Amino acid sequence: MTHVVTEQCVHCKFAECVTYCPVACFREADTFLVIEPEECIDCGNCVEACPADAIYPEAELPPDLQPSLEWNARLAPGLPLATSRVEPLPDGEAWRGRPGKWHTLPPDRAPGSL
């Protein structure tokens, strides 16, 4: 099992989760983070650290967020490792909690099942 970053990270990227991860499984894109599923040890530290409620255990993903599994697995290998706290995006607070953020991403960064 793994933990999964969902669309609630998009355009926020608060990234407190990165500092709580004992195995450095987070990868950084320009407007979001994802988790490398092969590296995640399923400790759950990131869930409590995320102020956007953007991270779920794989087994607890709501049906509407299931595309997050594919999204994390596909993008993580091609993104750089996030090893220290990343500054949140300047307009992150304005994006917090908004639905439908995947549709704001370029097609190559959006989940394939949209």
Protein backbone atom coordinates (compact mmCIF):
# COMPACT_ATOMS: atom_id res chain seq x y z
CA MET A 1 0.00 0.00 0.00
CA THR A 2 0.97 3.60 -0.43
CA HIS A 3 -0.24 7.05 0.44
CA VAL A 4 -1.49 9.22 -2.38
CA VAL A 5 -1.46 12.96 -3.05
CA THR A 6 -4.76 14.14 -4.53
CA GLU A 7 -5.84 17.18 -6.51
CA GLN A 8 -6.15 19.26 -3.34
CA CYS A 9 -2.38 19.79 -3.54
CA VAL A 10 -2.62 21.37 -6.99
CA HIS A 11 -1.94 25.12 -6.88
CA CYS A 12 -1.35 24.99 -3.09
CA LYS A 13 1.78 22.88 -2.59
CA PHE A 14 2.02 23.71 1.10
CA ALA A 15 4.55 20.84 1.39
CA GLU A 16 4.77 20.45 5.18
CA CYS A 17 4.41 16.74 4.35
CA VAL A 18 7.91 16.63 2.88
CA THR A 19 9.57 17.31 6.22
CA TYR A 20 7.59 14.55 7.94
CA CYS A 21 8.45 11.82 5.44
CA PRO A 22 11.15 9.47 6.79
CA VAL A 23 11.96 7.96 3.37
CA ALA A 24 11.88 10.98 1.02
CA CYS A 25 9.15 9.68 -1.28
CA PHE A 26 7.77 13.07 -2.37
CA ARG A 27 8.45 14.45 -5.83
CA GLU A 28 7.96 18.09 -6.78
CA ALA A 29 6.27 19.60 -9.83
CA ASP A 30 5.75 23.29 -10.42
CA THR A 31 2.32 23.52 -8.75
CA PHE A 32 1.96 20.27 -6.78
CA LEU A 33 3.67 17.31 -5.13
CA VAL A 34 3.17 13.58 -5.71
CA ILE A 35 4.30 10.48 -3.84
CA GLU A 36 6.50 7.84 -5.43
CA PRO A 37 4.47 4.71 -4.58
CA GLU A 38 7.52 2.43 -4.76
CA GLU A 39 9.25 4.46 -2.04
CA CYS A 40 6.33 5.13 0.34
CA ILE A 41 6.43 2.98 3.48
CA ASP A 42 2.82 3.79 4.40
CA CYS A 43 3.73 5.44 7.71
CA GLY A 44 1.00 8.10 7.48
CA ASN A 45 3.10 10.97 8.84
CA CYS A 46 2.27 13.07 5.79
CA VAL A 47 -1.49 12.86 6.26
CA GLU A 48 -1.43 14.73 9.55
CA ALA A 49 1.10 17.26 8.25
CA CYS A 50 -0.89 18.30 5.16
CA PRO A 51 -2.90 21.49 5.79
CA ALA A 52 -4.84 21.00 2.54
CA ASP A 53 -6.06 17.49 3.43
CA ALA A 54 -4.61 16.37 0.11
CA ILE A 55 -3.09 13.02 1.16
CA TYR A 56 -4.92 9.73 1.73
CA PRO A 57 -3.96 6.15 2.38
CA GLU A 58 -4.58 4.25 -0.85
CA ALA A 59 -7.25 2.08 0.81
CA GLU A 60 -9.20 5.15 1.93
CA LEU A 61 -9.28 7.10 -1.34
CA PRO A 62 -12.81 8.32 -2.07
CA PRO A 63 -14.15 7.09 -5.44
CA ASP A 64 -13.90 10.54 -7.05
CA LEU A 65 -10.18 10.69 -6.17
CA GLN A 66 -9.23 7.24 -7.52
CA PRO A 67 -7.43 8.84 -10.51
CA SER A 68 -4.86 10.01 -7.95
CA LEU A 69 -3.31 6.52 -7.90
CA GLU A 70 -2.42 6.64 -11.58
CA TRP A 71 -1.43 10.31 -11.35
CA ASN A 72 1.13 9.76 -8.57
CA ALA A 73 2.54 6.56 -10.10
CA ARG A 74 2.92 8.07 -13.58
CA LEU A 75 4.39 11.44 -12.65
CA ALA A 76 6.62 10.63 -9.66
CA PRO A 77 9.42 8.84 -11.56
CA GLY A 78 9.96 11.86 -13.81
CA LEU A 79 9.95 14.57 -11.13
CA PRO A 80 12.78 15.70 -8.86
CA LEU A 81 12.94 14.58 -5.28
CA ALA A 82 11.53 17.02 -2.73
CA THR A 83 13.81 16.66 0.29
CA SER A 84 13.19 19.80 2.30
CA ARG A 85 10.27 22.03 3.02
CA VAL A 86 9.11 23.71 -0.15
CA GLU A 87 7.67 27.21 -0.03
CA PRO A 88 3.91 27.15 -0.66
CA LEU A 89 2.65 28.87 -3.75
CA PRO A 90 1.81 32.55 -3.23
CA ASP A 91 -1.86 32.01 -4.05
CA GLY A 92 -2.08 28.63 -2.29
CA GLU A 93 -4.57 29.82 0.30
CA ALA A 94 -6.91 31.03 -2.45
CA TRP A 95 -6.83 27.56 -4.03
CA ARG A 96 -7.24 25.59 -0.78
CA GLY A 97 -10.33 23.39 -0.84
CA ARG A 98 -11.39 24.18 -4.41
CA PRO A 99 -12.70 21.20 -6.38
CA GLY A 100 -11.83 20.44 -9.99
CA LYS A 101 -8.19 21.52 -9.88
CA TRP A 102 -6.99 18.67 -12.11
CA HIS A 103 -8.74 20.39 -15.00
CA THR A 104 -6.40 23.37 -14.59
CA LEU A 105 -3.31 21.24 -15.34
CA PRO A 106 -1.78 20.72 -18.79
CA PRO A 107 -2.90 17.40 -20.31
CA ASP A 108 0.49 15.75 -19.70
CA ARG A 109 0.23 16.58 -15.98
CA ALA A 110 -3.45 15.66 -15.47
CA PRO A 111 -4.61 12.17 -14.52
CA GLY A 112 -5.08 10.01 -17.60
CA SER A 113 -8.64 9.00 -16.74
CA LEU A 114 -10.10 12.53 -16.83
